[in-house]
Amino acid sequence: MVLYDLRYSARTFADAARQSRRPQPRTVRRTVAIHSFARHQRDRSVAEWSATEERRARQRLRAQAGAVLRLVNSTADELALDAVDTIDIVPARHRRGSLWLA
């Protein structure tokens, strides 16, 4: 794999200051030899972690929705109904999020 990058050196800044001009970056070429790719084997640890996180997210969602339903179905107390409007239920994250973080 070949990567090209633009870099400033101390000499570039010194030359630019001496000549009263803007510094120009120089091209740096870097090569990297890749011998193995990350997760090139079928590793089930990410799938197991994803399933656990998804299960926990569903449990949190059920608990928050249950709290809202208990407030709504309780006595017709005006304070309880006003409190329902302030509750924020965070949407459950999809399991692909843990694959992204792996």
PDB file of N, CA and C in Angstrom:
ATOM      1  N   MET A   1       0.847  -1.162   0.000  1.00  0.00           N
ATOM      2  CA  MET A   1       0.000   0.000   0.000  1.00  0.00           C
ATOM      3  C   MET A   1       0.903   1.239   0.000  1.00  0.00           C
ATOM      4  N   VAL A   2       0.569   2.177  -0.807  1.00  0.00           N
ATOM      5  CA  VAL A   2       1.358   3.408  -0.910  1.00  0.00           C
ATOM      6  C   VAL A   2       0.475   4.582  -0.480  1.00  0.00           C
ATOM      7  N   LEU A   3       0.984   5.403   0.428  1.00  0.00           N
ATOM      8  CA  LEU A   3       0.270   6.578   0.915  1.00  0.00           C
ATOM      9  C   LEU A   3       1.077   7.827   0.598  1.00  0.00           C
ATOM     10  N   TYR A   4       0.401   8.840   0.117  1.00  0.00           N
ATOM     11  CA  TYR A   4       1.042  10.126  -0.135  1.00  0.00           C
ATOM     12  C   TYR A   4       0.501  11.126   0.874  1.00  0.00           C
ATOM     13  N   ASP A   5       1.384  11.954   1.403  1.00  0.00           N
ATOM     14  CA  ASP A   5       1.007  12.909   2.426  1.00  0.00           C
ATOM     15  C   ASP A   5       1.748  14.210   2.180  1.00  0.00           C
ATOM     16  N   LEU A   6       1.182  15.309   2.622  1.00  0.00           N
ATOM     17  CA  LEU A   6       1.842  16.607   2.528  1.00  0.00           C
ATOM     18  C   LEU A   6       2.295  17.008   3.930  1.00  0.00           C
ATOM     19  N   ARG A   7       3.579  17.338   4.062  1.00  0.00           N
ATOM     20  CA  ARG A   7       4.152  17.684   5.367  1.00  0.00           C
ATOM     21  C   ARG A   7       4.960  18.967   5.281  1.00  0.00           C
ATOM     22  N   TYR A   8       4.967  19.700   6.400  1.00  0.00           N
ATOM     23  CA  TYR A   8       5.815  20.873   6.550  1.00  0.00           C
ATOM     24  C   TYR A   8       7.014  20.482   7.399  1.00  0.00           C
ATOM     25  N   SER A   9       8.186  20.961   7.053  1.00  0.00           N
ATOM     26  CA  SER A   9       9.368  20.736   7.878  1.00  0.00           C
ATOM     27  C   SER A   9       9.809  22.075   8.473  1.00  0.00           C
ATOM     28  N   ALA A  10      10.700  22.018   9.446  1.00  0.00           N
ATOM     29  CA  ALA A  10      11.210  23.245  10.064  1.00  0.00           C
ATOM     30  C   ALA A  10      11.966  24.077   9.023  1.00  0.00           C
ATOM     31  N   ARG A  11      12.652  23.393   8.113  1.00  0.00           N
ATOM     32  CA  ARG A  11      13.396  24.104   7.071  1.00  0.00           C
ATOM     33  C   ARG A  11      12.448  24.853   6.136  1.00  0.00           C
ATOM     34  N   THR A  12      11.291  24.251   5.843  1.00  0.00           N
ATOM     35  CA  THR A  12      10.306  24.897   4.978  1.00  0.00           C
ATOM     36  C   THR A  12       9.809  26.185   5.601  1.00  0.00           C
ATOM     37  N   PHE A  13       9.535  26.164   6.897  1.00  0.00           N
ATOM     38  CA  PHE A  13       9.078  27.370   7.583  1.00  0.00           C
ATOM     39  C   PHE A  13      10.176  28.435   7.629  1.00  0.00           C
ATOM     40  N   ALA A  14      11.422  27.999   7.851  1.00  0.00           N
ATOM     41  CA  ALA A  14      12.526  28.958   7.909  1.00  0.00           C
ATOM     42  C   ALA A  14      12.754  29.609   6.548  1.00  0.00           C
ATOM     43  N   ASP A  15      12.739  28.822   5.473  1.00  0.00           N
ATOM     44  CA  ASP A  15      12.927  29.366   4.128  1.00  0.00           C
ATOM     45  C   ASP A  15      11.800  30.328   3.759  1.00  0.00           C
ATOM     46  N   ALA A  16      10.572  29.983   4.125  1.00  0.00           N
ATOM     47  CA  ALA A  16       9.432  30.838   3.804  1.00  0.00           C
ATOM     48  C   ALA A  16       9.506  32.154   4.567  1.00  0.00           C
ATOM     49  N   ALA A  17       9.935  32.108   5.827  1.00  0.00           N
ATOM     50  CA  ALA A  17      10.052  33.340   6.608  1.00  0.00           C
ATOM     51  C   ALA A  17      11.163  34.225   6.056  1.00  0.00           C
ATOM     52  N   ARG A  18      12.253  33.615   5.631  1.00  0.00           N
ATOM     53  CA  ARG A  18      13.377  34.371   5.090  1.00  0.00           C
ATOM     54  C   ARG A  18      13.005  35.034   3.769  1.00  0.00           C
ATOM     55  N   GLN A  19      12.209  34.353   2.951  1.00  0.00           N
ATOM     56  CA  GLN A  19      11.837  34.878   1.642  1.00  0.00           C
ATOM     57  C   GLN A  19      10.499  35.629   1.660  1.00  0.00           C
ATOM     58  N   SER A  20       9.907  35.779   2.825  1.00  0.00           N
ATOM     59  CA  SER A  20       8.627  36.487   3.005  1.00  0.00           C
ATOM     60  C   SER A  20       7.526  35.915   2.109  1.00  0.00           C
ATOM     61  N   ARG A  21       7.368  34.641   2.180  1.00  0.00           N
ATOM     62  CA  ARG A  21       6.315  33.979   1.406  1.00  0.00           C
ATOM     63  C   ARG A  21       5.662  32.907   2.277  1.00  0.00           C
ATOM     64  N   ARG A  22       4.640  32.350   1.747  1.00  0.00           N
ATOM     65  CA  ARG A  22       3.905  31.297   2.446  1.00  0.00           C
ATOM     66  C   ARG A  22       4.664  29.971   2.328  1.00  0.00           C
ATOM     67  N   PRO A  23       4.716  29.159   3.396  1.00  0.00           N
ATOM     68  CA  PRO A  23       5.433  27.877   3.296  1.00  0.00           C
ATOM     69  C   PRO A  23       4.699  26.895   2.382  1.00  0.00           C
ATOM     70  N   GLN A  24       5.465  26.122   1.642  1.00  0.00           N
ATOM     71  CA  GLN A  24       4.928  25.118   0.737  1.00  0.00           C
ATOM     72  C   GLN A  24       5.181  23.732   1.321  1.00  0.00           C
ATOM     73  N   PRO A  25       4.174  22.920   1.451  1.00  0.00           N
ATOM     74  CA  PRO A  25       4.414  21.565   1.973  1.00  0.00           C
ATOM     75  C   PRO A  25       5.115  20.715   0.921  1.00  0.00           C
ATOM     76  N   ARG A  26       5.817  19.707   1.395  1.00  0.00           N
ATOM     77  CA  ARG A  26       6.454  18.798   0.442  1.00  0.00           C
ATOM     78  C   ARG A  26       5.765  17.441   0.508  1.00  0.00           C
ATOM     79  N   THR A  27       5.789  16.746  -0.580  1.00  0.00           N
ATOM     80  CA  THR A  27       5.126  15.453  -0.682  1.00  0.00           C
ATOM     81  C   THR A  27       5.983  14.382  -0.040  1.00  0.00           C
ATOM     82  N   VAL A  28       5.358  13.580   0.793  1.00  0.00           N
ATOM     83  CA  VAL A  28       6.042  12.461   1.443  1.00  0.00           C
ATOM     84  C   VAL A  28       5.343  11.187   0.993  1.00  0.00           C
ATOM     85  N   ARG A  29       6.131  10.242   0.514  1.00  0.00           N
ATOM     86  CA  ARG A  29       5.593   8.969   0.051  1.00  0.00           C
ATOM     87  C   ARG A  29       5.942   7.904   1.071  1.00  0.00           C
ATOM     88  N   ARG A  30       4.924   7.190   1.538  1.00  0.00           N
ATOM     89  CA  ARG A  30       5.148   6.124   2.522  1.00  0.00           C
ATOM     90  C   ARG A  30       4.560   4.837   1.987  1.00  0.00           C
ATOM     91  N   THR A  31       5.280   3.756   2.193  1.00  0.00           N
ATOM     92  CA  THR A  31       4.788   2.454   1.768  1.00  0.00           C
ATOM     93  C   THR A  31       4.614   1.563   2.995  1.00  0.00           C
ATOM     94  N   VAL A  32       3.566   0.782   2.952  1.00  0.00           N
ATOM     95  CA  VAL A  32       3.259  -0.125   4.049  1.00  0.00           C
ATOM     96  C   VAL A  32       2.956  -1.482   3.441  1.00  0.00           C
ATOM     97  N   ALA A  33       3.569  -2.516   3.991  1.00  0.00           N
ATOM     98  CA  ALA A  33       3.281  -3.879   3.551  1.00  0.00           C
ATOM     99  C   ALA A  33       2.280  -4.490   4.522  1.00  0.00           C
ATOM    100  N   ILE A  34       1.122  -4.892   3.993  1.00  0.00           N
ATOM    101  CA  ILE A  34       0.080  -5.502   4.813  1.00  0.00           C
ATOM    102  C   ILE A  34       0.136  -7.000   4.603  1.00  0.00           C
ATOM    103  N   HIS A  35       0.347  -7.714   5.699  1.00  0.00           N
ATOM    104  CA  HIS A  35       0.459  -9.167   5.609  1.00  0.00           C
ATOM    105  C   HIS A  35      -0.819  -9.876   6.033  1.00  0.00           C
ATOM    106  N   SER A  36      -1.629  -9.253   6.866  1.00  0.00           N
ATOM    107  CA  SER A  36      -2.900  -9.847   7.271  1.00  0.00           C
ATOM    108  C   SER A  36      -3.896  -8.727   7.517  1.00  0.00           C
ATOM    109  N   PHE A  37      -5.141  -9.029   7.290  1.00  0.00           N
ATOM    110  CA  PHE A  37      -6.192  -8.052   7.475  1.00  0.00           C
ATOM    111  C   PHE A  37      -6.853  -8.277   8.823  1.00  0.00           C
ATOM    112  N   ALA A  38      -7.328  -7.206   9.416  1.00  0.00           N
ATOM    113  CA  ALA A  38      -8.029  -7.329  10.689  1.00  0.00           C
ATOM    114  C   ALA A  38      -9.308  -8.131  10.491  1.00  0.00           C
ATOM    115  N   ARG A  39      -9.564  -9.031  11.393  1.00  0.00           N
ATOM    116  CA  ARG A  39     -10.751  -9.902  11.373  1.00  0.00           C
ATOM    117  C   ARG A  39     -10.865 -10.683  10.061  1.00  0.00           C
ATOM    118  N   HIS A  40      -9.746 -11.201   9.588  1.00  0.00           N
ATOM    119  CA  HIS A  40      -9.815 -11.975   8.353  1.00  0.00           C
ATOM    120  C   HIS A  40     -10.387 -13.359   8.595  1.00  0.00           C
ATOM    121  N   GLN A  41     -10.414 -13.785   9.864  1.00  0.00           N
ATOM    122  CA  GLN A  41     -11.029 -15.061  10.201  1.00  0.00           C
ATOM    123  C   GLN A  41     -12.426 -14.795  10.736  1.00  0.00           C
ATOM    124  N   ARG A  42     -13.248 -15.796  10.713  1.00  0.00           N
ATOM    125  CA  ARG A  42     -14.602 -15.649  11.241  1.00  0.00           C
ATOM    126  C   ARG A  42     -14.549 -15.674  12.759  1.00  0.00           C
ATOM    127  N   ASP A  43     -14.601 -14.514  13.350  1.00  0.00           N
ATOM    128  CA  ASP A  43     -14.512 -14.368  14.796  1.00  0.00           C
ATOM    129  C   ASP A  43     -15.913 -14.113  15.340  1.00  0.00           C
ATOM    130  N   ARG A  44     -16.411 -14.982  16.210  1.00  0.00           N
ATOM    131  CA  ARG A  44     -17.770 -14.859  16.715  1.00  0.00           C
ATOM    132  C   ARG A  44     -17.874 -13.899  17.888  1.00  0.00           C
ATOM    133  N   SER A  45     -16.753 -13.377  18.372  1.00  0.00           N
ATOM    134  CA  SER A  45     -16.829 -12.520  19.555  1.00  0.00           C
ATOM    135  C   SER A  45     -17.598 -11.233  19.274  1.00  0.00           C
ATOM    136  N   VAL A  46     -17.468 -10.693  18.075  1.00  0.00           N
ATOM    137  CA  VAL A  46     -18.195  -9.471  17.730  1.00  0.00           C
ATOM    138  C   VAL A  46     -19.695  -9.755  17.651  1.00  0.00           C
ATOM    139  N   ALA A  47     -20.072 -10.887  17.072  1.00  0.00           N
ATOM    140  CA  ALA A  47     -21.488 -11.241  16.970  1.00  0.00           C
ATOM    141  C   ALA A  47     -22.094 -11.443  18.356  1.00  0.00           C
ATOM    142  N   GLU A  48     -21.355 -12.098  19.245  1.00  0.00           N
ATOM    143  CA  GLU A  48     -21.867 -12.321  20.606  1.00  0.00           C
ATOM    144  C   GLU A  48     -21.991 -10.997  21.349  1.00  0.00           C
ATOM    145  N   TRP A  49     -21.013 -10.113  21.197  1.00  0.00           N
ATOM    146  CA  TRP A  49     -21.058  -8.810  21.841  1.00  0.00           C
ATOM    147  C   TRP A  49     -22.224  -7.992  21.294  1.00  0.00           C
ATOM    148  N   SER A  50     -22.439  -8.068  19.973  1.00  0.00           N
ATOM    149  CA  SER A  50     -23.542  -7.337  19.351  1.00  0.00           C
ATOM    150  C   SER A  50     -24.878  -7.832  19.867  1.00  0.00           C
ATOM    151  N   ALA A  51     -25.045  -9.140  19.973  1.00  0.00           N
ATOM    152  CA  ALA A  51     -26.307  -9.698  20.459  1.00  0.00           C
ATOM    153  C   ALA A  51     -26.566  -9.274  21.902  1.00  0.00           C
ATOM    154  N   THR A  52     -25.523  -9.259  22.734  1.00  0.00           N
ATOM    155  CA  THR A  52     -25.681  -8.840  24.131  1.00  0.00           C
ATOM    156  C   THR A  52     -26.065  -7.371  24.217  1.00  0.00           C
ATOM    157  N   GLU A  53     -25.403  -6.536  23.450  1.00  0.00           N
ATOM    158  CA  GLU A  53     -25.720  -5.105  23.465  1.00  0.00           C
ATOM    159  C   GLU A  53     -27.124  -4.831  22.951  1.00  0.00           C
ATOM    160  N   GLU A  54     -27.542  -5.562  21.924  1.00  0.00           N
ATOM    161  CA  GLU A  54     -28.890  -5.377  21.390  1.00  0.00           C
ATOM    162  C   GLU A  54     -29.937  -5.811  22.421  1.00  0.00           C
ATOM    163  N   ARG A  55     -29.675  -6.903  23.118  1.00  0.00           N
ATOM    164  CA  ARG A  55     -30.592  -7.387  24.148  1.00  0.00           C
ATOM    165  C   ARG A  55     -30.708  -6.364  25.281  1.00  0.00           C
ATOM    166  N   ARG A  56     -29.586  -5.803  25.704  1.00  0.00           N
ATOM    167  CA  ARG A  56     -29.606  -4.781  26.756  1.00  0.00           C
ATOM    168  C   ARG A  56     -30.350  -3.531  26.310  1.00  0.00           C
ATOM    169  N   ALA A  57     -30.181  -3.151  25.053  1.00  0.00           N
ATOM    170  CA  ALA A  57     -30.879  -1.965  24.533  1.00  0.00           C
ATOM    171  C   ALA A  57     -32.389  -2.197  24.523  1.00  0.00           C
ATOM    172  N   ARG A  58     -32.821  -3.413  24.136  1.00  0.00           N
ATOM    173  CA  ARG A  58     -34.255  -3.712  24.156  1.00  0.00           C
ATOM    174  C   ARG A  58     -34.794  -3.700  25.588  1.00  0.00           C
ATOM    175  N   GLN A  59     -34.015  -4.211  26.554  1.00  0.00           N
ATOM    176  CA  GLN A  59     -34.447  -4.197  27.950  1.00  0.00           C
ATOM    177  C   GLN A  59     -34.589  -2.774  28.468  1.00  0.00           C
ATOM    178  N   ARG A  60     -33.630  -1.900  28.130  1.00  0.00           N
ATOM    179  CA  ARG A  60     -33.725  -0.497  28.555  1.00  0.00           C
ATOM    180  C   ARG A  60     -34.948   0.175  27.940  1.00  0.00           C
ATOM    181  N   LEU A  61     -35.203  -0.112  26.667  1.00  0.00           N
ATOM    182  CA  LEU A  61     -36.349   0.477  25.985  1.00  0.00           C
ATOM    183  C   LEU A  61     -37.651   0.012  26.625  1.00  0.00           C
ATOM    184  N   ARG A  62     -37.765  -1.287  26.946  1.00  0.00           N
ATOM    185  CA  ARG A  62     -38.963  -1.794  27.600  1.00  0.00           C
ATOM    186  C   ARG A  62     -39.157  -1.177  28.974  1.00  0.00           C
ATOM    187  N   ALA A  63     -38.067  -0.993  29.725  1.00  0.00           N
ATOM    188  CA  ALA A  63     -38.178  -0.402  31.063  1.00  0.00           C
ATOM    189  C   ALA A  63     -38.632   1.050  30.986  1.00  0.00           C
ATOM    190  N   GLN A  64     -38.096   1.812  30.039  1.00  0.00           N
ATOM    191  CA  GLN A  64     -38.491   3.215  29.901  1.00  0.00           C
ATOM    192  C   GLN A  64     -39.938   3.334  29.420  1.00  0.00           C
ATOM    193  N   ALA A  65     -40.328   2.509  28.474  1.00  0.00           N
ATOM    194  CA  ALA A  65     -41.709   2.551  27.994  1.00  0.00           C
ATOM    195  C   ALA A  65     -42.666   2.107  29.094  1.00  0.00           C
ATOM    196  N   GLY A  66     -42.276   1.142  29.893  1.00  0.00           N
ATOM    197  CA  GLY A  66     -43.115   0.702  31.015  1.00  0.00           C
ATOM    198  C   GLY A  66     -43.302   1.794  32.040  1.00  0.00           C
ATOM    199  N   ALA A  67     -42.260   2.578  32.304  1.00  0.00           N
ATOM    200  CA  ALA A  67     -42.383   3.684  33.258  1.00  0.00           C
ATOM    201  C   ALA A  67     -43.361   4.731  32.742  1.00  0.00           C
ATOM    202  N   VAL A  68     -43.321   5.015  31.457  1.00  0.00           N
ATOM    203  CA  VAL A  68     -44.243   5.990  30.880  1.00  0.00           C
ATOM    204  C   VAL A  68     -45.673   5.462  30.950  1.00  0.00           C
ATOM    205  N   LEU A  69     -45.858   4.190  30.631  1.00  0.00           N
ATOM    206  CA  LEU A  69     -47.205   3.621  30.679  1.00  0.00           C
ATOM    207  C   LEU A  69     -47.757   3.603  32.098  1.00  0.00           C
ATOM    208  N   ARG A  70     -46.908   3.309  33.083  1.00  0.00           N
ATOM    209  CA  ARG A  70     -47.376   3.333  34.471  1.00  0.00           C
ATOM    210  C   ARG A  70     -47.821   4.728  34.870  1.00  0.00           C
ATOM    211  N   LEU A  71     -47.086   5.756  34.435  1.00  0.00           N
ATOM    212  CA  LEU A  71     -47.490   7.131  34.745  1.00  0.00           C
ATOM    213  C   LEU A  71     -48.809   7.498  34.076  1.00  0.00           C
ATOM    214  N   VAL A  72     -48.972   7.104  32.832  1.00  0.00           N
ATOM    215  CA  VAL A  72     -50.187   7.447  32.097  1.00  0.00           C
ATOM    216  C   VAL A  72     -51.388   6.695  32.656  1.00  0.00           C
ATOM    217  N   ASN A  73     -51.205   5.423  32.976  1.00  0.00           N
ATOM    218  CA  ASN A  73     -52.326   4.600  33.437  1.00  0.00           C
ATOM    219  C   ASN A  73     -52.611   4.767  34.925  1.00  0.00           C
ATOM    220  N   SER A  74     -51.767   5.493  35.628  1.00  0.00           N
ATOM    221  CA  SER A  74     -52.036   5.718  37.046  1.00  0.00           C
ATOM    222  C   SER A  74     -53.215   6.666  37.189  1.00  0.00           C
ATOM    223  N   THR A  75     -53.482   7.070  38.389  1.00  0.00           N
ATOM    224  CA  THR A  75     -54.618   7.970  38.604  1.00  0.00           C
ATOM    225  C   THR A  75     -54.472   9.194  37.715  1.00  0.00           C
ATOM    226  N   ALA A  76     -55.569   9.818  37.446  1.00  0.00           N
ATOM    227  CA  ALA A  76     -55.578  10.965  36.529  1.00  0.00           C
ATOM    228  C   ALA A  76     -54.990  12.190  37.217  1.00  0.00           C
ATOM    229  N   ASP A  77     -53.801  12.052  37.711  1.00  0.00           N
ATOM    230  CA  ASP A  77     -53.125  13.161  38.370  1.00  0.00           C
ATOM    231  C   ASP A  77     -52.512  14.051  37.292  1.00  0.00           C
ATOM    232  N   GLU A  78     -52.797  15.327  37.349  1.00  0.00           N
ATOM    233  CA  GLU A  78     -52.289  16.254  36.335  1.00  0.00           C
ATOM    234  C   GLU A  78     -50.767  16.351  36.363  1.00  0.00           C
ATOM    235  N   LEU A  79     -50.168  16.231  37.542  1.00  0.00           N
ATOM    236  CA  LEU A  79     -48.705  16.295  37.619  1.00  0.00           C
ATOM    237  C   LEU A  79     -48.065  15.108  36.922  1.00  0.00           C
ATOM    238  N   ALA A  80     -48.691  13.931  37.038  1.00  0.00           N
ATOM    239  CA  ALA A  80     -48.143  12.744  36.379  1.00  0.00           C
ATOM    240  C   ALA A  80     -48.230  12.888  34.867  1.00  0.00           C
ATOM    241  N   LEU A  81     -49.327  13.441  34.384  1.00  0.00           N
ATOM    242  CA  LEU A  81     -49.473  13.610  32.936  1.00  0.00           C
ATOM    243  C   LEU A  81     -48.511  14.660  32.397  1.00  0.00           C
ATOM    244  N   ASP A  82     -48.225  15.689  33.195  1.00  0.00           N
ATOM    245  CA  ASP A  82     -47.235  16.679  32.771  1.00  0.00           C
ATOM    246  C   ASP A  82     -45.829  16.094  32.785  1.00  0.00           C
ATOM    247  N   ALA A  83     -45.577  15.166  33.724  1.00  0.00           N
ATOM    248  CA  ALA A  83     -44.258  14.544  33.805  1.00  0.00           C
ATOM    249  C   ALA A  83     -43.997  13.641  32.610  1.00  0.00           C
ATOM    250  N   VAL A  84     -45.043  13.092  32.024  1.00  0.00           N
ATOM    251  CA  VAL A  84     -44.883  12.213  30.851  1.00  0.00           C
ATOM    252  C   VAL A  84     -44.266  12.981  29.691  1.00  0.00           C
ATOM    253  N   ASP A  85     -44.618  14.238  29.550  1.00  0.00           N
ATOM    254  CA  ASP A  85     -44.088  15.040  28.446  1.00  0.00           C
ATOM    255  C   ASP A  85     -42.595  15.297  28.588  1.00  0.00           C
ATOM    256  N   THR A  86     -42.076  15.251  29.805  1.00  0.00           N
ATOM    257  CA  THR A  86     -40.656  15.538  30.010  1.00  0.00           C
ATOM    258  C   THR A  86     -39.773  14.310  29.882  1.00  0.00           C
ATOM    259  N   ILE A  87     -40.355  13.127  29.845  1.00  0.00           N
ATOM    260  CA  ILE A  87     -39.560  11.899  29.757  1.00  0.00           C
ATOM    261  C   ILE A  87     -39.070  11.720  28.332  1.00  0.00           C
ATOM    262  N   ASP A  88     -37.785  11.448  28.206  1.00  0.00           N
ATOM    263  CA  ASP A  88     -37.176  11.252  26.893  1.00  0.00           C
ATOM    264  C   ASP A  88     -36.749   9.802  26.770  1.00  0.00           C
ATOM    265  N   ILE A  89     -37.338   9.082  25.834  1.00  0.00           N
ATOM    266  CA  ILE A  89     -36.965   7.686  25.599  1.00  0.00           C
ATOM    267  C   ILE A  89     -35.940   7.670  24.479  1.00  0.00           C
ATOM    268  N   VAL A  90     -34.740   7.218  24.815  1.00  0.00           N
ATOM    269  CA  VAL A  90     -33.657   7.155  23.838  1.00  0.00           C
ATOM    270  C   VAL A  90     -33.905   5.961  22.927  1.00  0.00           C
ATOM    271  N   PRO A  91     -33.847   6.137  21.614  1.00  0.00           N
ATOM    272  CA  PRO A  91     -34.089   5.006  20.719  1.00  0.00           C
ATOM    273  C   PRO A  91     -33.000   3.949  20.865  1.00  0.00           C
ATOM    274  N   ALA A  92     -33.411   2.694  20.709  1.00  0.00           N
ATOM    275  CA  ALA A  92     -32.456   1.586  20.815  1.00  0.00           C
ATOM    276  C   ALA A  92     -31.514   1.613  19.620  1.00  0.00           C
ATOM    277  N   ARG A  93     -30.258   1.344  19.880  1.00  0.00           N
ATOM    278  CA  ARG A  93     -29.272   1.343  18.796  1.00  0.00           C
ATOM    279  C   ARG A  93     -29.311   0.009  18.073  1.00  0.00           C
ATOM    280  N   HIS A  94     -29.115   0.080  16.794  1.00  0.00           N
ATOM    281  CA  HIS A  94     -29.111  -1.132  15.986  1.00  0.00           C
ATOM    282  C   HIS A  94     -27.819  -1.899  16.223  1.00  0.00           C
ATOM    283  N   ARG A  95     -27.846  -3.177  16.042  1.00  0.00           N
ATOM    284  CA  ARG A  95     -26.674  -3.995  16.355  1.00  0.00           C
ATOM    285  C   ARG A  95     -25.499  -3.721  15.433  1.00  0.00           C
ATOM    286  N   ARG A  96     -25.710  -3.087  14.323  1.00  0.00           N
ATOM    287  CA  ARG A  96     -24.587  -2.764  13.430  1.00  0.00           C
ATOM    288  C   ARG A  96     -23.661  -1.739  14.084  1.00  0.00           C
ATOM    289  N   GLY A  97     -24.154  -1.008  15.086  1.00  0.00           N
ATOM    290  CA  GLY A  97     -23.322  -0.052  15.789  1.00  0.00           C
ATOM    291  C   GLY A  97     -22.162  -0.718  16.490  1.00  0.00           C
ATOM    292  N   SER A  98     -22.382  -1.901  17.059  1.00  0.00           N
ATOM    293  CA  SER A  98     -21.281  -2.584  17.721  1.00  0.00           C
ATOM    294  C   SER A  98     -20.303  -3.179  16.708  1.00  0.00           C
ATOM    295  N   LEU A  99     -20.797  -3.526  15.533  1.00  0.00           N
ATOM    296  CA  LEU A  99     -19.878  -3.985  14.494  1.00  0.00           C
ATOM    297  C   LEU A  99     -18.979  -2.849  14.047  1.00  0.00           C
ATOM    298  N   TRP A 100     -19.517  -1.623  14.029  1.00  0.00           N
ATOM    299  CA  TRP A 100     -18.734  -0.460  13.649  1.00  0.00           C
ATOM    300  C   TRP A 100     -17.666  -0.185  14.699  1.00  0.00           C
ATOM    301  N   LEU A 101     -18.019  -0.365  15.989  1.00  0.00           N
ATOM    302  CA  LEU A 101     -17.088  -0.083  17.075  1.00  0.00           C
ATOM    303  C   LEU A 101     -16.046  -1.173  17.277  1.00  0.00           C
ATOM    304  N   ALA A 102     -16.244  -2.334  16.672  1.00  0.00           N
ATOM    305  CA  ALA A 102     -15.326  -3.463  16.889  1.00  0.00           C
ATOM    306  C   ALA A 102     -13.969  -3.228  16.259  1.00  0.00           C
TER     307      ALA A 102
END
